N, C-alpha and C. Protein backbone atom coordinates (compact mmCIF):
# COMPACT_ATOMS: atom_id res chain seq x y z
N UNK A 1 -0.62 -12.21 20.94
CA UNK A 1 -0.06 -13.41 20.15
C UNK A 1 0.88 -13.22 19.01
N UNK A 2 2.03 -14.50 19.10
CA UNK A 2 2.97 -14.15 18.74
C UNK A 2 3.12 -14.58 17.99
N UNK A 3 3.66 -14.24 16.25
CA UNK A 3 3.99 -14.92 15.21
C UNK A 3 5.04 -15.27 14.67
N UNK A 4 4.85 -16.27 13.90
CA UNK A 4 6.34 -16.61 13.89
C UNK A 4 6.07 -16.73 12.23
N UNK A 5 6.86 -16.41 11.53
CA UNK A 5 6.81 -16.34 9.79
C UNK A 5 7.51 -17.84 9.41
N UNK A 6 6.31 -18.38 8.29
CA UNK A 6 6.54 -19.28 7.56
C UNK A 6 7.02 -19.49 6.79
N UNK A 7 8.10 -20.08 6.31
CA UNK A 7 8.69 -19.30 4.83
C UNK A 7 7.48 -20.00 3.71
N UNK A 8 7.15 -21.41 4.42
CA UNK A 8 6.54 -21.90 3.12
C UNK A 8 5.13 -21.19 2.82
N UNK A 9 4.58 -20.75 3.81
CA UNK A 9 3.30 -20.08 3.36
C UNK A 9 2.93 -18.69 3.35
N UNK A 10 3.94 -18.42 4.06
CA UNK A 10 3.78 -17.02 4.13
C UNK A 10 4.54 -15.62 3.29
N UNK A 11 4.45 -14.29 2.79
CA UNK A 11 4.93 -13.60 2.62
C UNK A 11 4.39 -12.12 2.84
N UNK A 12 5.62 -11.22 2.97
CA UNK A 12 5.74 -9.76 3.06
C UNK A 12 5.30 -8.87 1.28
N UNK A 13 4.35 -7.96 1.72
CA UNK A 13 3.82 -7.48 0.73
C UNK A 13 4.29 -5.80 1.09
N UNK A 14 5.20 -5.28 0.43
CA UNK A 14 5.21 -3.56 0.87
C UNK A 14 4.70 -3.07 -0.48
N UNK A 15 3.89 -1.88 0.23
CA UNK A 15 3.01 -1.25 -0.72
C UNK A 15 3.50 0.23 -0.90
N UNK A 16 3.93 0.74 -2.28
CA UNK A 16 4.33 1.90 -2.91
C UNK A 16 5.62 2.59 -1.95
N UNK A 17 6.26 2.32 -1.47
CA UNK A 17 6.95 3.36 -0.50
C UNK A 17 7.81 4.08 -1.44
N UNK A 18 7.42 4.82 -2.25
CA UNK A 18 8.15 5.74 -3.39
C UNK A 18 8.17 7.16 -3.27
N UNK A 19 9.37 7.75 -3.63
CA UNK A 19 9.88 9.07 -3.16
C UNK A 19 8.21 10.27 -3.48
N UNK A 20 7.54 9.66 -3.92
CA UNK A 20 6.60 10.76 -4.15
C UNK A 20 5.21 10.57 -3.40
N UNK A 21 5.41 9.67 -2.57
CA UNK A 21 4.49 9.61 -1.71
C UNK A 21 5.08 9.60 -0.65
N UNK A 22 6.56 10.03 -0.04
CA UNK A 22 6.71 10.32 1.29
C UNK A 22 7.20 11.80 1.10
N UNK A 23 7.37 12.78 1.89
CA UNK A 23 7.56 14.05 2.74
C UNK A 23 8.76 14.61 1.33
N UNK A 24 7.97 15.63 1.10
CA UNK A 24 9.17 16.22 -0.39
C UNK A 24 8.02 15.77 -1.62
N UNK A 25 7.70 14.79 -1.86
CA UNK A 25 6.82 13.87 -3.19
C UNK A 25 5.75 14.91 -3.82
N UNK A 26 5.48 14.46 -4.86
CA UNK A 26 4.20 14.88 -5.39
C UNK A 26 3.02 14.76 -5.04
N UNK A 27 2.78 13.78 -4.30
CA UNK A 27 1.54 13.34 -3.60
C UNK A 27 1.92 12.58 -2.40
N UNK A 28 2.82 13.68 -1.60
CA UNK A 28 3.33 13.13 0.23
C UNK A 28 2.43 12.78 1.14
N UNK A 29 2.62 11.53 1.50
CA UNK A 29 1.41 11.23 3.11
C UNK A 29 2.05 11.60 3.96
N UNK A 30 1.29 11.69 4.66
CA UNK A 30 2.66 13.05 6.14
C UNK A 30 3.18 11.51 6.61
N UNK A 31 3.92 12.22 7.37
CA UNK A 31 4.85 11.10 7.91
C UNK A 31 5.04 9.41 7.17
N UNK A 32 4.83 9.70 5.80
CA UNK A 32 5.26 8.65 5.13
C UNK A 32 6.54 7.91 5.07
N UNK A 33 7.43 8.53 5.29
CA UNK A 33 8.77 8.05 5.42
C UNK A 33 8.95 7.59 7.15
N UNK A 34 7.96 7.84 7.57
CA UNK A 34 8.34 6.61 9.06
C UNK A 34 8.01 5.51 8.80
N UNK A 35 7.42 4.79 7.63
CA UNK A 35 7.15 3.53 7.74
C UNK A 35 8.51 2.87 6.59
N UNK A 36 9.44 3.38 6.83
CA UNK A 36 10.56 2.69 6.11
C UNK A 36 11.42 1.88 6.98
N UNK A 37 11.56 2.30 8.03
CA UNK A 37 13.08 1.57 9.31
C UNK A 37 11.70 0.62 9.55
N UNK A 38 10.80 0.69 9.71
CA UNK A 38 9.86 -0.36 10.22
C UNK A 38 9.74 -1.46 9.03
N UNK A 39 9.22 -1.06 8.21
CA UNK A 39 8.94 -2.13 6.63
C UNK A 39 10.75 -3.33 6.71
N UNK A 40 11.42 -2.02 7.06
CA UNK A 40 12.98 -2.64 6.90
C UNK A 40 13.11 -3.70 7.72
N UNK A 41 12.76 -3.73 8.66
CA UNK A 41 13.12 -4.58 9.67
C UNK A 41 12.07 -6.03 9.61
N UNK A 42 10.59 -5.59 9.17
CA UNK A 42 9.74 -6.45 8.73
C UNK A 42 10.42 -7.23 7.25
N UNK A 43 11.29 -6.97 6.27
CA UNK A 43 11.70 -7.55 5.07
C UNK A 43 12.99 -8.23 5.45
N UNK A 44 13.79 -7.36 6.61
CA UNK A 44 14.93 -8.34 7.04
C UNK A 44 14.51 -9.89 7.69
N UNK A 45 13.16 -9.69 8.66
CA UNK A 45 12.71 -10.80 8.97
C UNK A 45 12.03 -11.94 8.27
N UNK A 46 11.66 -11.28 7.67
CA UNK A 46 10.91 -12.71 6.03
C UNK A 46 12.22 -13.18 5.28
N UNK A 47 12.76 -12.16 4.82
CA UNK A 47 13.93 -12.80 4.55
C UNK A 47 14.98 -13.72 4.92
N UNK A 48 15.48 -13.29 6.55
CA UNK A 48 15.96 -14.34 7.16
C UNK A 48 15.17 -15.60 7.80
N UNK A 49 14.14 -15.31 7.51
CA UNK A 49 13.10 -16.94 7.59
C UNK A 49 13.22 -17.54 6.40
N UNK A 50 13.59 -17.02 5.15
CA UNK A 50 13.38 -17.49 4.07
C UNK A 50 11.74 -17.50 3.26
N UNK A 51 11.34 -16.33 3.38
CA UNK A 51 9.79 -15.99 3.18
C UNK A 51 9.86 -15.12 2.04
N UNK A 52 9.28 -15.12 1.02
CA UNK A 52 9.42 -14.26 -0.02
C UNK A 52 8.93 -12.40 0.14
N UNK A 53 9.58 -11.64 -0.33
CA UNK A 53 9.34 -10.39 -0.41
C UNK A 53 8.71 -9.77 -1.53
N UNK A 54 7.53 -9.20 -1.76
CA UNK A 54 7.00 -8.27 -2.73
C UNK A 54 6.96 -6.97 -2.38
N UNK A 55 6.75 -6.24 -3.31
CA UNK A 55 7.16 -5.08 -3.38
C UNK A 55 6.42 -4.17 -4.41
N UNK A 56 5.71 -3.48 -3.87
CA UNK A 56 4.67 -2.84 -5.31
C UNK A 56 4.84 -1.62 -6.09
N UNK A 57 4.76 -0.83 -6.94
CA UNK A 57 5.03 0.62 -7.27
C UNK A 57 4.23 1.20 -8.05
N UNK A 58 3.36 2.05 -7.48
CA UNK A 58 2.87 2.97 -8.96
C UNK A 58 3.81 2.96 -10.46
N UNK A 59 3.33 3.09 -11.26
CA UNK A 59 4.40 2.99 -12.83
C UNK A 59 3.90 3.84 -13.47
N UNK A 60 3.24 5.03 -13.46
CA UNK A 60 2.59 5.64 -14.20
C UNK A 60 3.26 6.03 -15.69
N UNK A 61 2.48 6.00 -16.66
CA UNK A 61 2.78 6.77 -17.79
C UNK A 61 2.57 8.47 -17.82
N UNK A 62 3.11 9.45 -18.37
CA UNK A 62 3.18 10.43 -18.22
C UNK A 62 1.69 10.80 -18.66
N UNK A 63 1.24 10.54 -19.49
CA UNK A 63 -0.23 10.82 -19.50
C UNK A 63 -1.08 9.69 -19.33
N UNK A 64 -2.35 9.95 -18.07
CA UNK A 64 -3.08 9.03 -17.73
C UNK A 64 -4.35 9.37 -17.48
N UNK A 65 -5.53 8.86 -17.66
CA UNK A 65 -6.47 9.63 -16.75
C UNK A 65 -6.79 9.67 -15.12
N UNK A 66 -5.70 9.02 -14.42
CA UNK A 66 -5.60 8.70 -13.10
C UNK A 66 -4.98 10.18 -12.53
N UNK A 67 -4.47 11.18 -13.48
CA UNK A 67 -3.83 12.46 -13.66
C UNK A 67 -5.23 13.52 -13.53
N UNK A 68 -5.12 14.72 -12.88
CA UNK A 68 -6.05 15.82 -12.85
C UNK A 68 -6.04 16.36 -14.14
N UNK A 69 -5.08 16.34 -14.98
CA UNK A 69 -5.17 16.93 -16.22
C UNK A 69 -5.87 16.39 -17.50
N UNK A 70 -5.98 15.23 -16.90
CA UNK A 70 -6.74 14.31 -17.92
C UNK A 70 -8.20 13.51 -17.22
N UNK A 71 -8.79 14.08 -16.21
CA UNK A 71 -9.63 13.86 -15.63
C UNK A 71 -9.62 13.11 -14.43
N UNK A 72 -8.84 12.75 -13.83
CA UNK A 72 -8.31 11.75 -12.75
C UNK A 72 -8.78 12.98 -11.79
N UNK A 73 -8.14 12.25 -10.68
CA UNK A 73 -8.47 13.02 -9.38
C UNK A 73 -6.97 12.98 -8.35
N UNK A 74 -6.17 12.86 -8.96
CA UNK A 74 -4.58 13.22 -8.71
C UNK A 74 -3.33 14.09 -9.25
N UNK A 75 -2.68 15.04 -8.83
CA UNK A 75 -1.44 15.81 -9.33
C UNK A 75 -0.60 14.39 -10.17
N UNK A 76 0.11 14.58 -11.14
CA UNK A 76 1.20 13.72 -11.59
C UNK A 76 1.62 13.29 -10.80
N UNK A 77 2.19 11.67 -10.41
CA UNK A 77 3.15 11.35 -9.45
C UNK A 77 3.06 10.08 -9.88
N UNK A 78 4.86 9.62 -9.16
CA UNK A 78 5.56 8.01 -10.15
C UNK A 78 5.24 7.75 -11.33
N UNK A 79 5.86 9.12 -11.86
CA UNK A 79 5.82 8.58 -13.60
C UNK A 79 7.16 7.41 -13.93
N UNK A 80 6.72 6.89 -14.67
CA UNK A 80 7.75 5.70 -15.16
C UNK A 80 9.19 6.62 -14.84
N UNK A 81 10.19 5.51 -14.50
CA UNK A 81 11.45 6.11 -14.62
C UNK A 81 12.23 7.77 -14.57
N UNK A 82 11.48 8.26 -13.51
CA UNK A 82 11.45 9.71 -12.77
C UNK A 82 11.96 9.43 -11.13
N UNK A 83 12.54 10.21 -10.86
CA UNK A 83 13.14 10.00 -9.49
C UNK A 83 11.76 9.74 -8.96
N UNK A 84 10.62 10.09 -8.73
CA UNK A 84 9.89 10.20 -7.71
C UNK A 84 8.81 8.99 -7.56
N UNK A 85 9.28 8.48 -8.91
CA UNK A 85 8.53 6.71 -8.86
C UNK A 85 9.74 5.66 -8.41
N UNK A 86 10.85 6.48 -8.05
CA UNK A 86 11.92 5.17 -7.39
C UNK A 86 11.57 4.78 -5.68
N UNK A 87 11.51 3.82 -5.17
CA UNK A 87 11.41 3.70 -4.03
C UNK A 87 12.16 4.54 -3.35
N UNK A 88 11.96 4.74 -2.00
CA UNK A 88 12.95 5.33 -1.09
C UNK A 88 14.22 5.27 -0.45
N UNK A 89 15.16 5.94 -1.01
CA UNK A 89 15.93 5.40 -0.73
C UNK A 89 16.63 5.01 0.43
N UNK A 90 15.80 4.97 1.22
CA UNK A 90 16.29 4.59 2.55
C UNK A 90 15.28 2.81 2.55
N UNK A 91 14.94 2.63 2.16
CA UNK A 91 14.19 1.36 1.90
C UNK A 91 14.91 0.08 1.80
N UNK A 92 15.16 -0.75 2.26
CA UNK A 92 16.26 -1.95 2.07
C UNK A 92 15.73 -3.16 1.92
N UNK A 93 15.45 -3.57 0.56
CA UNK A 93 14.56 -4.91 -0.03
C UNK A 93 15.37 -5.63 -0.40
N UNK A 94 15.24 -7.16 0.22
CA UNK A 94 16.01 -7.95 -0.37
C UNK A 94 16.30 -8.50 -1.38
N UNK A 95 17.72 -8.85 -1.88
CA UNK A 95 17.92 -9.44 -3.30
C UNK A 95 16.87 -10.22 -3.98
N UNK A 96 16.37 -10.61 -3.30
CA UNK A 96 15.47 -11.67 -4.21
C UNK A 96 13.65 -11.05 -4.35
N UNK A 97 13.66 -9.69 -3.50
CA UNK A 97 12.66 -8.99 -3.90
C UNK A 97 11.52 -9.12 -5.50
N UNK A 98 10.29 -9.26 -5.31
CA UNK A 98 9.72 -9.46 -6.30
C UNK A 98 9.24 -8.13 -6.79
N UNK A 99 9.75 -7.22 -7.72
CA UNK A 99 8.63 -5.76 -7.79
C UNK A 99 7.86 -6.43 -8.99
N UNK A 100 6.34 -5.93 -8.34
CA UNK A 100 5.49 -5.86 -9.20
C UNK A 100 4.93 -4.28 -9.18
N UNK A 101 4.66 -3.74 -10.32
CA UNK A 101 3.93 -2.41 -10.97
C UNK A 101 2.67 -2.60 -11.63
N UNK A 102 2.42 -1.24 -11.20
CA UNK A 102 1.27 -1.51 -11.61
C UNK A 102 0.74 0.29 -11.73
N UNK A 103 -0.64 0.77 -12.62
CA UNK A 103 -0.98 2.05 -13.29
C UNK A 103 -0.08 2.00 -14.61
N UNK A 104 0.00 1.15 -15.14
CA UNK A 104 0.94 1.59 -16.68
C UNK A 104 -0.37 2.07 -17.54
N UNK A 105 -1.20 0.93 -17.41
CA UNK A 105 -2.60 1.24 -18.16
C UNK A 105 -3.53 2.66 -18.47
N UNK A 106 -3.20 3.48 -19.10
CA UNK A 106 -3.33 5.16 -19.40
C UNK A 106 -4.99 5.65 -19.00
N UNK A 107 -5.71 4.29 -18.88
CA UNK A 107 -7.10 4.30 -19.02
C UNK A 107 -7.76 3.99 -17.79
N UNK A 108 -6.81 3.14 -16.81
CA UNK A 108 -7.17 2.43 -15.45
C UNK A 108 -6.57 3.32 -14.12
N UNK A 109 -6.43 3.20 -12.99
CA UNK A 109 -6.53 3.71 -12.01
C UNK A 109 -5.57 3.11 -11.40
N UNK A 110 -6.19 1.64 -10.98
CA UNK A 110 -5.20 0.59 -10.51
C UNK A 110 -4.53 0.82 -9.12
N UNK A 111 -5.39 1.05 -8.40
CA UNK A 111 -4.69 0.67 -6.56
C UNK A 111 -4.72 -0.24 -5.69
N UNK A 112 -5.02 -1.40 -6.33
CA UNK A 112 -4.53 -2.47 -5.66
C UNK A 112 -3.16 -3.11 -6.31
N UNK A 113 -2.29 -3.56 -5.50
CA UNK A 113 -1.25 -4.23 -5.64
C UNK A 113 -1.42 -5.76 -7.07
N UNK A 114 -2.81 -5.97 -6.32
CA UNK A 114 -3.30 -7.22 -7.51
C UNK A 114 -3.52 -6.63 -8.84
N UNK A 115 -3.41 -5.57 -9.16
CA UNK A 115 -3.52 -5.30 -10.74
C UNK A 115 -2.17 -4.59 -10.95
N UNK A 116 -0.79 -5.43 -10.31
CA UNK A 116 0.50 -4.70 -10.49
C UNK A 116 0.72 -6.50 -11.32
N UNK A 117 1.81 -5.98 -12.13
CA UNK A 117 2.47 -7.66 -12.63
C UNK A 117 4.28 -7.34 -12.48
N UNK A 118 4.79 -8.28 -12.34
CA UNK A 118 6.25 -8.56 -12.26
C UNK A 118 6.59 -8.32 -13.54
N UNK A 119 8.20 -8.44 -13.71
CA UNK A 119 8.77 -7.65 -14.69
C UNK A 119 8.65 -8.66 -15.92
N UNK A 120 8.19 -10.05 -15.24
CA UNK A 120 8.04 -11.31 -16.46
C UNK A 120 6.76 -11.33 -17.13
N UNK A 121 5.92 -9.99 -16.30
CA UNK A 121 4.46 -10.30 -16.65
C UNK A 121 3.52 -11.18 -16.10
N UNK A 122 3.63 -11.79 -15.39
CA UNK A 122 2.71 -12.42 -14.18
C UNK A 122 2.37 -11.64 -12.89
N UNK A 123 0.50 -11.78 -12.98
CA UNK A 123 -0.10 -11.03 -11.85
C UNK A 123 0.63 -11.53 -10.84
N UNK A 124 0.73 -10.50 -9.67
CA UNK A 124 0.80 -11.03 -8.04
C UNK A 124 -0.34 -11.81 -7.84
N UNK A 125 -1.05 -12.40 -7.95
CA UNK A 125 -1.99 -13.37 -7.71
C UNK A 125 -0.98 -14.72 -8.38
N UNK A 126 -0.89 -14.63 -9.53
CA UNK A 126 0.24 -15.80 -10.10
C UNK A 126 1.21 -16.11 -9.18
N UNK A 127 2.42 -14.81 -8.88
CA UNK A 127 3.49 -15.14 -8.46
C UNK A 127 3.09 -15.53 -7.16
N UNK A 128 2.17 -15.01 -6.36
CA UNK A 128 2.27 -15.93 -5.06
C UNK A 128 1.60 -17.11 -4.80
N UNK A 129 0.73 -17.62 -5.52
CA UNK A 129 0.51 -18.93 -6.32
C UNK A 129 1.38 -19.86 -6.58
N UNK A 130 2.29 -19.49 -7.51
CA UNK A 130 3.96 -19.87 -7.66
C UNK A 130 4.45 -20.43 -6.87
N UNK A 131 4.28 -19.58 -5.59
CA UNK A 131 5.12 -19.72 -4.16
C UNK A 131 4.31 -20.33 -3.20
N UNK A 132 3.14 -20.93 -3.41
CA UNK A 132 2.10 -21.26 -2.34
C UNK A 132 2.45 -20.83 -1.46
N UNK A 133 1.89 -19.17 -1.25
CA UNK A 133 1.47 -18.30 -0.43
C UNK A 133 -0.04 -18.57 0.08
N UNK A 134 -0.02 -18.23 1.45
CA UNK A 134 -1.40 -18.40 1.53
C UNK A 134 -1.80 -17.06 2.75
N UNK A 135 -1.03 -16.73 3.15
CA UNK A 135 -1.04 -15.74 4.46
C UNK A 135 0.11 -14.64 3.92
N UNK A 136 -0.49 -13.16 3.73
CA UNK A 136 0.07 -12.17 3.43
C UNK A 136 0.16 -10.98 4.53
N UNK A 137 1.12 -10.45 4.45
CA UNK A 137 1.54 -9.48 5.81
C UNK A 137 1.54 -8.04 4.81
N UNK A 138 0.88 -7.03 5.47
CA UNK A 138 0.71 -5.84 4.75
C UNK A 138 1.06 -4.60 4.68
N UNK A 139 2.05 -4.23 3.99
CA UNK A 139 2.54 -2.50 5.11
C UNK A 139 2.59 -1.65 3.95
N UNK A 140 3.09 -0.55 4.40
CA UNK A 140 3.33 1.05 2.72
C UNK A 140 2.20 1.62 2.86
N UNK A 141 1.82 2.32 1.76
CA UNK A 141 1.39 3.43 1.63
C UNK A 141 0.51 3.43 0.43
N UNK A 142 -0.66 4.12 0.75
CA UNK A 142 -1.60 4.76 1.82
C UNK A 142 -2.10 3.97 2.09
N UNK A 143 -2.47 3.68 3.80
CA UNK A 143 -3.50 2.59 4.59
C UNK A 143 -5.48 3.06 3.86
N UNK A 144 -5.58 4.31 3.41
CA UNK A 144 -6.68 4.64 3.24
C UNK A 144 -6.92 4.34 1.33
N UNK A 145 -6.04 4.10 0.23
CA UNK A 145 -5.83 4.03 -0.86
C UNK A 145 -5.33 2.14 -1.59
N UNK A 146 -4.35 2.46 -1.13
CA UNK A 146 -3.81 1.38 -1.88
C UNK A 146 -3.20 0.04 -0.89
N UNK A 147 -3.04 0.31 -0.06
CA UNK A 147 -2.77 -0.46 1.12
C UNK A 147 -4.43 -1.41 1.46
N UNK A 148 -5.60 -0.37 1.39
CA UNK A 148 -6.70 -0.70 1.44
C UNK A 148 -7.09 -1.40 0.35
N UNK A 149 -6.48 -1.24 -0.83
CA UNK A 149 -7.54 -2.20 -2.01
C UNK A 149 -6.73 -2.80 -2.11
N UNK A 150 -5.30 -3.65 -1.65
CA UNK A 150 -4.57 -4.40 -1.40
C UNK A 150 -4.84 -5.32 -0.40
N UNK A 151 -5.48 -5.06 0.52
CA UNK A 151 -5.62 -5.99 1.27
C UNK A 151 -7.60 -6.51 1.20
N UNK A 152 -8.01 -5.72 0.68
CA UNK A 152 -9.28 -6.21 0.53
C UNK A 152 -9.36 -6.87 -0.95
N UNK A 153 -8.47 -6.83 -1.71
CA UNK A 153 -8.26 -7.56 -3.05
C UNK A 153 -7.66 -9.02 -2.54
N UNK A 154 -6.84 -9.07 -1.63
CA UNK A 154 -6.18 -10.40 -0.93
C UNK A 154 -6.72 -10.80 -0.27
N UNK A 155 -8.00 -10.59 0.31
CA UNK A 155 -8.96 -11.57 1.19
C UNK A 155 -10.23 -11.78 0.31
N UNK A 156 -10.52 -11.30 -0.79
CA UNK A 156 -11.41 -11.50 -1.87
C UNK A 156 -10.66 -12.63 -2.23
N UNK A 157 -9.53 -13.01 -2.53
CA UNK A 157 -8.49 -14.03 -3.13
C UNK A 157 -8.79 -15.10 -2.34
N UNK A 158 -9.37 -15.06 -0.95
CA UNK A 158 -8.92 -16.32 -0.43
C UNK A 158 -7.86 -16.19 0.53
N UNK A 159 -6.79 -15.22 0.65
CA UNK A 159 -5.41 -15.18 1.54
C UNK A 159 -6.07 -14.88 2.87
N UNK A 160 -4.87 -15.21 4.10
CA UNK A 160 -5.23 -14.85 5.28
C UNK A 160 -4.92 -13.07 5.17
N UNK A 161 -4.56 -12.36 5.82
CA UNK A 161 -3.98 -11.08 5.70
C UNK A 161 -3.97 -10.66 7.16
N UNK A 162 -2.98 -10.08 7.40
CA UNK A 162 -2.13 -9.47 8.31
C UNK A 162 -2.14 -7.63 8.00
N UNK A 163 -2.28 -6.57 8.50
CA UNK A 163 -2.13 -5.62 8.13
C UNK A 163 -0.99 -5.01 9.14
N UNK A 164 -0.06 -4.68 8.66
CA UNK A 164 0.73 -4.33 9.51
C UNK A 164 0.58 -2.76 10.14
N UNK A 165 -0.05 -2.79 11.06
CA UNK A 165 -0.42 -1.16 11.61
C UNK A 165 0.72 -0.29 12.47
N UNK A 166 1.98 -1.21 12.32
CA UNK A 166 3.09 0.47 12.64
C UNK A 166 3.96 0.58 10.98
N UNK A 167 3.27 -0.01 9.92
CA UNK A 167 3.79 -0.14 8.86
C UNK A 167 3.13 0.65 7.56
N UNK A 168 1.91 1.59 8.26
CA UNK A 168 1.01 1.84 7.16
C UNK A 168 1.28 3.69 7.68
N UNK A 169 1.04 4.41 6.76
CA UNK A 169 0.66 5.66 7.02
C UNK A 169 -0.67 5.71 5.95
N UNK A 170 -2.03 7.33 6.27
CA UNK A 170 -2.72 7.46 5.63
C UNK A 170 -2.64 8.52 4.99
N UNK A 171 -3.21 9.06 3.80
CA UNK A 171 -3.30 10.27 3.19
C UNK A 171 -4.43 11.28 3.95
N UNK A 172 -5.58 10.54 4.22
CA UNK A 172 -6.37 11.25 5.64
C UNK A 172 -6.67 12.69 4.41
N UNK A 173 -7.15 12.31 3.19
CA UNK A 173 -8.07 13.58 2.53
C UNK A 173 -9.10 14.13 3.23
N UNK A 174 -9.97 13.16 4.00
CA UNK A 174 -10.64 13.63 4.78
C UNK A 174 -10.52 12.99 6.20
N UNK A 175 -10.03 14.08 7.38
CA UNK A 175 -9.87 13.53 8.52
C UNK A 175 -10.45 12.24 8.96
N UNK A 176 -9.27 11.18 9.32
CA UNK A 176 -10.47 9.73 9.75
C UNK A 176 -10.40 8.91 8.90
N UNK A 177 -10.04 8.93 7.69
CA UNK A 177 -9.52 7.76 6.42
C UNK A 177 -8.89 6.83 6.78
N UNK A 178 -7.78 7.20 7.45
CA UNK A 178 -7.29 6.01 7.69
C UNK A 178 -7.60 5.08 8.76
N UNK A 179 -8.10 5.71 10.13
CA UNK A 179 -8.86 4.83 10.81
C UNK A 179 -10.15 4.37 10.10
N UNK A 180 -10.76 4.74 9.31
CA UNK A 180 -12.00 4.33 8.36
C UNK A 180 -11.35 3.03 7.98
N UNK A 181 -10.31 3.19 7.16
CA UNK A 181 -10.01 2.27 6.14
C UNK A 181 -9.45 1.04 6.97
N UNK A 182 -8.72 1.27 7.98
CA UNK A 182 -8.59 -0.20 9.11
C UNK A 182 -9.31 -0.80 9.58
N UNK A 183 -10.57 -0.11 9.66
CA UNK A 183 -12.16 -0.55 10.19
C UNK A 183 -12.45 -1.71 9.10
N UNK A 184 -12.81 -1.01 8.18
CA UNK A 184 -13.05 -1.61 6.57
C UNK A 184 -12.28 -2.81 6.24
N UNK A 185 -10.91 -3.00 6.67
CA UNK A 185 -10.14 -3.99 6.29
C UNK A 185 -10.74 -5.24 7.27
N UNK A 186 -10.72 -4.41 8.64
CA UNK A 186 -10.95 -5.69 9.86
C UNK A 186 -12.38 -6.17 9.87
N UNK A 187 -13.37 -5.39 9.61
CA UNK A 187 -14.51 -6.32 9.45
C UNK A 187 -14.35 -6.83 8.09
N UNK A 188 -13.58 -6.73 7.35
CA UNK A 188 -13.94 -7.68 5.96
C UNK A 188 -12.83 -9.10 6.14
N UNK A 189 -12.36 -9.04 7.28
CA UNK A 189 -11.66 -10.36 7.73
C UNK A 189 -9.82 -10.29 8.01
N UNK A 190 -9.87 -8.88 7.76
CA UNK A 190 -8.29 -8.78 8.11
C UNK A 190 -7.66 -8.78 9.65
N UNK A 191 -6.47 -9.07 9.99
CA UNK A 191 -6.35 -9.10 11.44
C UNK A 191 -4.87 -8.00 11.43
N UNK A 192 -5.03 -7.59 12.31
CA UNK A 192 -3.37 -6.54 12.52
C UNK A 192 -2.37 -7.19 13.17
N UNK A 193 -1.07 -6.61 12.87
CA UNK A 193 0.16 -7.34 13.57
C UNK A 193 1.08 -5.87 13.81
N UNK A 194 1.99 -6.09 14.27
CA UNK A 194 2.91 -5.25 14.91
C UNK A 194 4.44 -6.00 14.86
N UNK A 195 5.55 -5.10 14.70
CA UNK A 195 6.66 -5.88 14.79
C UNK A 195 6.99 -6.61 16.26
N UNK A 196 6.71 -6.16 17.39
CA UNK A 196 7.37 -6.74 18.69
C UNK A 196 6.61 -7.95 18.55
N UNK A 197 5.45 -8.24 17.95
CA UNK A 197 4.34 -9.48 18.30
C UNK A 197 5.13 -10.54 16.96
N UNK A 198 5.86 -10.09 16.39
CA UNK A 198 6.51 -10.98 14.89
C UNK A 198 7.85 -11.65 15.60
N UNK A 199 8.18 -13.10 15.09
CA UNK A 199 9.17 -13.78 16.25
C UNK A 199 10.46 -13.22 15.52
N UNK A 200 11.62 -13.06 15.95
CA UNK A 200 12.38 -12.10 15.68
C UNK A 200 13.49 -13.39 15.00
């Protein structure tokens, strides 16, 4: 099935393509950097169609219960204003991209981009509503954590959601976590999309 980008109702959400989630980073997703050229191509197509692009980022304080030292599950990563928190240097975001940040609350984990806010303090949901977005295309890192949480939250809020199957990678803490995450998102109502199905 061919997919046309509708500038009135569609948006692209790029999730957490940051240095710390790519090879060499503090919490590297295997082959995480492989999503970069694919997501660049998606971003270019959405921008050319006049559809909005959103990019989420983990933006943690240095001390947060999300990190192992304070009772969390993860090593320190994506600490505010560090190189690890920066987007991958080869990620080409359109100039008008809306950046949404999450994980700033030291008492919360915040996996989903729907827990993120824009630079002017709006929630992602409010920012999408302001653009009348109804259909969301989601890719990034990692399939089994922040992508999955964002997709499930989008579905729960009534969005039609496409997971960019060629633009995601999984942590796979347990083998098969990524596949199970895709199955869970599909069971919840998400559909898959690939670049070759998107109108050029």
